[in-house]
Amino acid sequence: MELHVSVDEADVWAGEGKVSPRRSLVDAWPDRRFTAKVQQVRFGAATLKGVVTYETVLEVDNSERLLRPA
């Protein structure tokens, strides 16, 4: 499954194009971990309420079909 998520600039390592690994929770499955690979961190930043974020594309293992589009 491909997910497009907003990543806080504090979690993007400046100049290296890498994303700091963190555990993100899925509201519907708070006790589960889903394996994901970062496919792309897009250059265009967005600012909302003073927080700068970057659109990030993740490839998520959804082989159990627990995740569904919103």
PDB file of N, CA and C in Angstrom:
ATOM      1  N   MET A   1       0.845  -1.162   0.000  1.00  0.00           N
ATOM      2  CA  MET A   1       0.000   0.000   0.000  1.00  0.00           C
ATOM      3  C   MET A   1       0.896   1.231   0.000  1.00  0.00           C
ATOM      4  N   GLU A   2       0.541   2.217  -0.797  1.00  0.00           N
ATOM      5  CA  GLU A   2       1.299   3.470  -0.834  1.00  0.00           C
ATOM      6  C   GLU A   2       0.580   4.521  -0.004  1.00  0.00           C
ATOM      7  N   LEU A   3       1.321   5.123   0.930  1.00  0.00           N
ATOM      8  CA  LEU A   3       0.763   6.180   1.769  1.00  0.00           C
ATOM      9  C   LEU A   3       1.505   7.477   1.522  1.00  0.00           C
ATOM     10  N   HIS A   4       0.787   8.575   1.506  1.00  0.00           N
ATOM     11  CA  HIS A   4       1.372   9.907   1.427  1.00  0.00           C
ATOM     12  C   HIS A   4       1.132  10.552   2.781  1.00  0.00           C
ATOM     13  N   VAL A   5       2.211  10.857   3.496  1.00  0.00           N
ATOM     14  CA  VAL A   5       2.099  11.413   4.838  1.00  0.00           C
ATOM     15  C   VAL A   5       2.898  12.706   4.942  1.00  0.00           C
ATOM     16  N   SER A   6       2.536  13.544   5.888  1.00  0.00           N
ATOM     17  CA  SER A   6       3.280  14.770   6.170  1.00  0.00           C
ATOM     18  C   SER A   6       4.271  14.471   7.285  1.00  0.00           C
ATOM     19  N   VAL A   7       5.545  14.786   7.036  1.00  0.00           N
ATOM     20  CA  VAL A   7       6.599  14.541   8.014  1.00  0.00           C
ATOM     21  C   VAL A   7       7.161  15.880   8.468  1.00  0.00           C
ATOM     22  N   ASP A   8       7.185  16.100   9.761  1.00  0.00           N
ATOM     23  CA  ASP A   8       7.731  17.318  10.362  1.00  0.00           C
ATOM     24  C   ASP A   8       9.186  17.500   9.935  1.00  0.00           C
ATOM     25  N   GLU A   9       9.571  18.743   9.627  1.00  0.00           N
ATOM     26  CA  GLU A   9      10.933  18.975   9.166  1.00  0.00           C
ATOM     27  C   GLU A   9      11.974  18.563  10.203  1.00  0.00           C
ATOM     28  N   ALA A  10      11.604  18.531  11.476  1.00  0.00           N
ATOM     29  CA  ALA A  10      12.534  18.092  12.520  1.00  0.00           C
ATOM     30  C   ALA A  10      12.877  16.612  12.353  1.00  0.00           C
ATOM     31  N   ASP A  11      12.022  15.865  11.662  1.00  0.00           N
ATOM     32  CA  ASP A  11      12.267  14.443  11.437  1.00  0.00           C
ATOM     33  C   ASP A  11      12.959  14.170  10.107  1.00  0.00           C
ATOM     34  N   VAL A  12      13.191  15.219   9.328  1.00  0.00           N
ATOM     35  CA  VAL A  12      13.928  15.074   8.066  1.00  0.00           C
ATOM     36  C   VAL A  12      15.338  15.584   8.313  1.00  0.00           C
ATOM     37  N   TRP A  13      16.326  14.733   8.099  1.00  0.00           N
ATOM     38  CA  TRP A  13      17.720  15.122   8.336  1.00  0.00           C
ATOM     39  C   TRP A  13      18.168  16.063   7.239  1.00  0.00           C
ATOM     40  N   ALA A  14      18.454  17.293   7.588  1.00  0.00           N
ATOM     41  CA  ALA A  14      18.830  18.331   6.618  1.00  0.00           C
ATOM     42  C   ALA A  14      20.039  17.907   5.799  1.00  0.00           C
ATOM     43  N   GLY A  15      19.912  18.064   4.493  1.00  0.00           N
ATOM     44  CA  GLY A  15      21.031  17.829   3.592  1.00  0.00           C
ATOM     45  C   GLY A  15      21.296  16.378   3.260  1.00  0.00           C
ATOM     46  N   GLU A  16      20.682  15.443   3.982  1.00  0.00           N
ATOM     47  CA  GLU A  16      20.959  14.038   3.721  1.00  0.00           C
ATOM     48  C   GLU A  16      19.802  13.330   3.039  1.00  0.00           C
ATOM     49  N   GLY A  17      18.638  13.958   2.999  1.00  0.00           N
ATOM     50  CA  GLY A  17      17.490  13.350   2.342  1.00  0.00           C
ATOM     51  C   GLY A  17      16.995  12.089   3.035  1.00  0.00           C
ATOM     52  N   LYS A  18      17.228  11.992   4.336  1.00  0.00           N
ATOM     53  CA  LYS A  18      16.796  10.817   5.081  1.00  0.00           C
ATOM     54  C   LYS A  18      15.727  11.221   6.084  1.00  0.00           C
ATOM     55  N   VAL A  19      14.908  10.263   6.445  1.00  0.00           N
ATOM     56  CA  VAL A  19      13.869  10.505   7.444  1.00  0.00           C
ATOM     57  C   VAL A  19      14.260   9.765   8.711  1.00  0.00           C
ATOM     58  N   SER A  20      14.172  10.467   9.815  1.00  0.00           N
ATOM     59  CA  SER A  20      14.482   9.864  11.111  1.00  0.00           C
ATOM     60  C   SER A  20      13.441   8.798  11.443  1.00  0.00           C
ATOM     61  N   PRO A  21      13.882   7.593  11.777  1.00  0.00           N
ATOM     62  CA  PRO A  21      12.908   6.552  12.094  1.00  0.00           C
ATOM     63  C   PRO A  21      12.193   6.829  13.409  1.00  0.00           C
ATOM     64  N   ARG A  22      10.900   6.685  13.381  1.00  0.00           N
ATOM     65  CA  ARG A  22      10.063   6.831  14.568  1.00  0.00           C
ATOM     66  C   ARG A  22       8.916   5.870  14.442  1.00  0.00           C
ATOM     67  N   ARG A  23       8.338   5.558  15.553  1.00  0.00           N
ATOM     68  CA  ARG A  23       7.156   4.699  15.516  1.00  0.00           C
ATOM     69  C   ARG A  23       5.930   5.574  15.348  1.00  0.00           C
ATOM     70  N   SER A  24       5.224   5.354  14.290  1.00  0.00           N
ATOM     71  CA  SER A  24       3.975   6.072  14.057  1.00  0.00           C
ATOM     72  C   SER A  24       2.818   5.131  14.359  1.00  0.00           C
ATOM     73  N   LEU A  25       1.822   5.669  14.976  1.00  0.00           N
ATOM     74  CA  LEU A  25       0.668   4.855  15.338  1.00  0.00           C
ATOM     75  C   LEU A  25      -0.450   5.002  14.330  1.00  0.00           C
ATOM     76  N   VAL A  26      -1.163   3.932  14.167  1.00  0.00           N
ATOM     77  CA  VAL A  26      -2.381   3.936  13.375  1.00  0.00           C
ATOM     78  C   VAL A  26      -3.517   3.918  14.393  1.00  0.00           C
ATOM     79  N   ASP A  27      -4.369   4.924  14.347  1.00  0.00           N
ATOM     80  CA  ASP A  27      -5.432   5.061  15.346  1.00  0.00           C
ATOM     81  C   ASP A  27      -6.247   3.781  15.537  1.00  0.00           C
ATOM     82  N   ALA A  28      -6.568   3.107  14.440  1.00  0.00           N
ATOM     83  CA  ALA A  28      -7.404   1.908  14.530  1.00  0.00           C
ATOM     84  C   ALA A  28      -6.658   0.703  15.104  1.00  0.00           C
ATOM     85  N   TRP A  29      -5.321   0.734  15.067  1.00  0.00           N
ATOM     86  CA  TRP A  29      -4.501  -0.394  15.525  1.00  0.00           C
ATOM     87  C   TRP A  29      -3.379   0.124  16.425  1.00  0.00           C
ATOM     88  N   PRO A  30      -3.683   0.654  17.603  1.00  0.00           N
ATOM     89  CA  PRO A  30      -2.655   1.285  18.443  1.00  0.00           C
ATOM     90  C   PRO A  30      -1.586   0.330  18.972  1.00  0.00           C
ATOM     91  N   ASP A  31      -1.865  -0.970  19.005  1.00  0.00           N
ATOM     92  CA  ASP A  31      -0.896  -1.936  19.529  1.00  0.00           C
ATOM     93  C   ASP A  31      -0.144  -2.693  18.438  1.00  0.00           C
ATOM     94  N   ARG A  32      -0.328  -2.283  17.180  1.00  0.00           N
ATOM     95  CA  ARG A  32       0.318  -2.970  16.051  1.00  0.00           C
ATOM     96  C   ARG A  32       1.387  -2.101  15.421  1.00  0.00           C
ATOM     97  N   ARG A  33       2.384  -2.751  14.856  1.00  0.00           N
ATOM     98  CA  ARG A  33       3.406  -2.056  14.063  1.00  0.00           C
ATOM     99  C   ARG A  33       3.246  -2.491  12.616  1.00  0.00           C
ATOM    100  N   PHE A  34       3.383  -1.536  11.724  1.00  0.00           N
ATOM    101  CA  PHE A  34       3.312  -1.815  10.301  1.00  0.00           C
ATOM    102  C   PHE A  34       4.661  -1.450   9.686  1.00  0.00           C
ATOM    103  N   THR A  35       5.240  -2.374   8.935  1.00  0.00           N
ATOM    104  CA  THR A  35       6.527  -2.147   8.300  1.00  0.00           C
ATOM    105  C   THR A  35       6.341  -1.252   7.082  1.00  0.00           C
ATOM    106  N   ALA A  36       7.186  -0.216   6.986  1.00  0.00           N
ATOM    107  CA  ALA A  36       7.099   0.707   5.851  1.00  0.00           C
ATOM    108  C   ALA A  36       8.498   1.079   5.388  1.00  0.00           C
ATOM    109  N   LYS A  37       8.604   1.379   4.103  1.00  0.00           N
ATOM    110  CA  LYS A  37       9.848   1.876   3.523  1.00  0.00           C
ATOM    111  C   LYS A  37       9.580   3.254   2.935  1.00  0.00           C
ATOM    112  N   VAL A  38      10.494   4.176   3.183  1.00  0.00           N
ATOM    113  CA  VAL A  38      10.370   5.511   2.605  1.00  0.00           C
ATOM    114  C   VAL A  38      10.744   5.416   1.127  1.00  0.00           C
ATOM    115  N   GLN A  39       9.813   5.779   0.277  1.00  0.00           N
ATOM    116  CA  GLN A  39      10.060   5.769  -1.164  1.00  0.00           C
ATOM    117  C   GLN A  39      10.560   7.127  -1.652  1.00  0.00           C
ATOM    118  N   GLN A  40      10.055   8.197  -1.030  1.00  0.00           N
ATOM    119  CA  GLN A  40      10.393   9.530  -1.514  1.00  0.00           C
ATOM    120  C   GLN A  40      10.036  10.573  -0.459  1.00  0.00           C
ATOM    121  N   VAL A  41      10.906  11.559  -0.305  1.00  0.00           N
ATOM    122  CA  VAL A  41      10.603  12.756   0.477  1.00  0.00           C
ATOM    123  C   VAL A  41      10.564  13.889  -0.537  1.00  0.00           C
ATOM    124  N   ARG A  42       9.428  14.511  -0.684  1.00  0.00           N
ATOM    125  CA  ARG A  42       9.262  15.551  -1.705  1.00  0.00           C
ATOM    126  C   ARG A  42       9.866  16.867  -1.242  1.00  0.00           C
ATOM    127  N   PHE A  43      10.348  17.653  -2.205  1.00  0.00           N
ATOM    128  CA  PHE A  43      11.048  18.907  -1.912  1.00  0.00           C
ATOM    129  C   PHE A  43      10.140  20.017  -1.404  1.00  0.00           C
ATOM    130  N   GLY A  44       8.947  20.128  -1.943  1.00  0.00           N
ATOM    131  CA  GLY A  44       8.064  21.237  -1.594  1.00  0.00           C
ATOM    132  C   GLY A  44       7.571  21.161  -0.157  1.00  0.00           C
ATOM    133  N   ALA A  45       7.921  22.143   0.641  1.00  0.00           N
ATOM    134  CA  ALA A  45       7.495  22.165   2.043  1.00  0.00           C
ATOM    135  C   ALA A  45       6.141  22.847   2.165  1.00  0.00           C
ATOM    136  N   ALA A  46       5.403  22.447   3.184  1.00  0.00           N
ATOM    137  CA  ALA A  46       4.128  23.081   3.511  1.00  0.00           C
ATOM    138  C   ALA A  46       4.198  23.535   4.961  1.00  0.00           C
ATOM    139  N   THR A  47       3.569  24.661   5.250  1.00  0.00           N
ATOM    140  CA  THR A  47       3.550  25.173   6.620  1.00  0.00           C
ATOM    141  C   THR A  47       2.106  25.311   7.075  1.00  0.00           C
ATOM    142  N   LEU A  48       1.792  24.698   8.207  1.00  0.00           N
ATOM    143  CA  LEU A  48       0.456  24.778   8.782  1.00  0.00           C
ATOM    144  C   LEU A  48       0.603  25.028  10.271  1.00  0.00           C
ATOM    145  N   LYS A  49       0.056  26.143  10.729  1.00  0.00           N
ATOM    146  CA  LYS A  49       0.138  26.546  12.135  1.00  0.00           C
ATOM    147  C   LYS A  49       1.582  26.604  12.619  1.00  0.00           C
ATOM    148  N   GLY A  50       2.464  27.077  11.760  1.00  0.00           N
ATOM    149  CA  GLY A  50       3.862  27.269  12.122  1.00  0.00           C
ATOM    150  C   GLY A  50       4.733  26.023  12.054  1.00  0.00           C
ATOM    151  N   VAL A  51       4.170  24.905  11.627  1.00  0.00           N
ATOM    152  CA  VAL A  51       4.937  23.665  11.521  1.00  0.00           C
ATOM    153  C   VAL A  51       5.230  23.389  10.052  1.00  0.00           C
ATOM    154  N   VAL A  52       6.518  23.231   9.736  1.00  0.00           N
ATOM    155  CA  VAL A  52       6.939  22.943   8.362  1.00  0.00           C
ATOM    156  C   VAL A  52       6.981  21.430   8.183  1.00  0.00           C
ATOM    157  N   THR A  53       6.307  20.939   7.134  1.00  0.00           N
ATOM    158  CA  THR A  53       6.281  19.506   6.853  1.00  0.00           C
ATOM    159  C   THR A  53       6.634  19.247   5.396  1.00  0.00           C
ATOM    160  N   TYR A  54       7.019  18.013   5.136  1.00  0.00           N
ATOM    161  CA  TYR A  54       7.324  17.564   3.777  1.00  0.00           C
ATOM    162  C   TYR A  54       6.481  16.342   3.463  1.00  0.00           C
ATOM    163  N   GLU A  55       5.867  16.344   2.275  1.00  0.00           N
ATOM    164  CA  GLU A  55       5.105  15.171   1.865  1.00  0.00           C
ATOM    165  C   GLU A  55       6.084  14.026   1.653  1.00  0.00           C
ATOM    166  N   THR A  56       5.767  12.894   2.245  1.00  0.00           N
ATOM    167  CA  THR A  56       6.634  11.719   2.179  1.00  0.00           C
ATOM    168  C   THR A  56       5.804  10.535   1.714  1.00  0.00           C
ATOM    169  N   VAL A  57       6.361   9.774   0.762  1.00  0.00           N
ATOM    170  CA  VAL A  57       5.669   8.615   0.211  1.00  0.00           C
ATOM    171  C   VAL A  57       6.240   7.362   0.872  1.00  0.00           C
ATOM    172  N   LEU A  58       5.357   6.568   1.469  1.00  0.00           N
ATOM    173  CA  LEU A  58       5.747   5.334   2.138  1.00  0.00           C
ATOM    174  C   LEU A  58       5.139   4.133   1.428  1.00  0.00           C
ATOM    175  N   GLU A  59       5.884   3.055   1.374  1.00  0.00           N
ATOM    176  CA  GLU A  59       5.365   1.770   0.914  1.00  0.00           C
ATOM    177  C   GLU A  59       5.176   0.927   2.174  1.00  0.00           C
ATOM    178  N   VAL A  60       3.925   0.597   2.477  1.00  0.00           N
ATOM    179  CA  VAL A  60       3.586  -0.073   3.732  1.00  0.00           C
ATOM    180  C   VAL A  60       3.166  -1.516   3.470  1.00  0.00           C
ATOM    181  N   ASP A  61       3.680  -2.417   4.289  1.00  0.00           N
ATOM    182  CA  ASP A  61       3.271  -3.814   4.202  1.00  0.00           C
ATOM    183  C   ASP A  61       1.845  -3.934   4.745  1.00  0.00           C
ATOM    184  N   ASN A  62       0.915  -4.167   3.863  1.00  0.00           N
ATOM    185  CA  ASN A  62      -0.494  -4.307   4.238  1.00  0.00           C
ATOM    186  C   ASN A  62      -0.997  -5.683   3.807  1.00  0.00           C
ATOM    187  N   SER A  63      -0.126  -6.681   3.918  1.00  0.00           N
ATOM    188  CA  SER A  63      -0.465  -8.030   3.452  1.00  0.00           C
ATOM    189  C   SER A  63      -1.647  -8.635   4.225  1.00  0.00           C
ATOM    190  N   GLU A  64      -1.855  -8.176   5.445  1.00  0.00           N
ATOM    191  CA  GLU A  64      -3.007  -8.663   6.220  1.00  0.00           C
ATOM    192  C   GLU A  64      -4.280  -7.888   5.913  1.00  0.00           C
ATOM    193  N   ARG A  65      -4.164  -6.873   5.081  1.00  0.00           N
ATOM    194  CA  ARG A  65      -5.300  -6.051   4.668  1.00  0.00           C
ATOM    195  C   ARG A  65      -6.029  -5.416   5.855  1.00  0.00           C
ATOM    196  N   LEU A  66      -5.256  -4.965   6.828  1.00  0.00           N
ATOM    197  CA  LEU A  66      -5.833  -4.298   7.986  1.00  0.00           C
ATOM    198  C   LEU A  66      -6.020  -2.799   7.746  1.00  0.00           C
ATOM    199  N   LEU A  67      -5.210  -2.239   6.876  1.00  0.00           N
ATOM    200  CA  LEU A  67      -5.293  -0.801   6.579  1.00  0.00           C
ATOM    201  C   LEU A  67      -6.185  -0.583   5.371  1.00  0.00           C
ATOM    202  N   ARG A  68      -6.984   0.472   5.465  1.00  0.00           N
ATOM    203  CA  ARG A  68      -7.887   0.808   4.359  1.00  0.00           C
ATOM    204  C   ARG A  68      -7.818   2.309   4.109  1.00  0.00           C
ATOM    205  N   PRO A  69      -8.041   2.715   2.865  1.00  0.00           N
ATOM    206  CA  PRO A  69      -8.033   4.166   2.567  1.00  0.00           C
ATOM    207  C   PRO A  69      -9.117   4.894   3.342  1.00  0.00           C
ATOM    208  N   ALA A  70      -8.818   6.108   3.735  1.00  0.00           N
ATOM    209  CA  ALA A  70      -9.795   6.923   4.472  1.00  0.00           C
ATOM    210  C   ALA A  70     -10.804   7.522   3.521  1.00  0.00           C
TER     211      ALA A  70
END
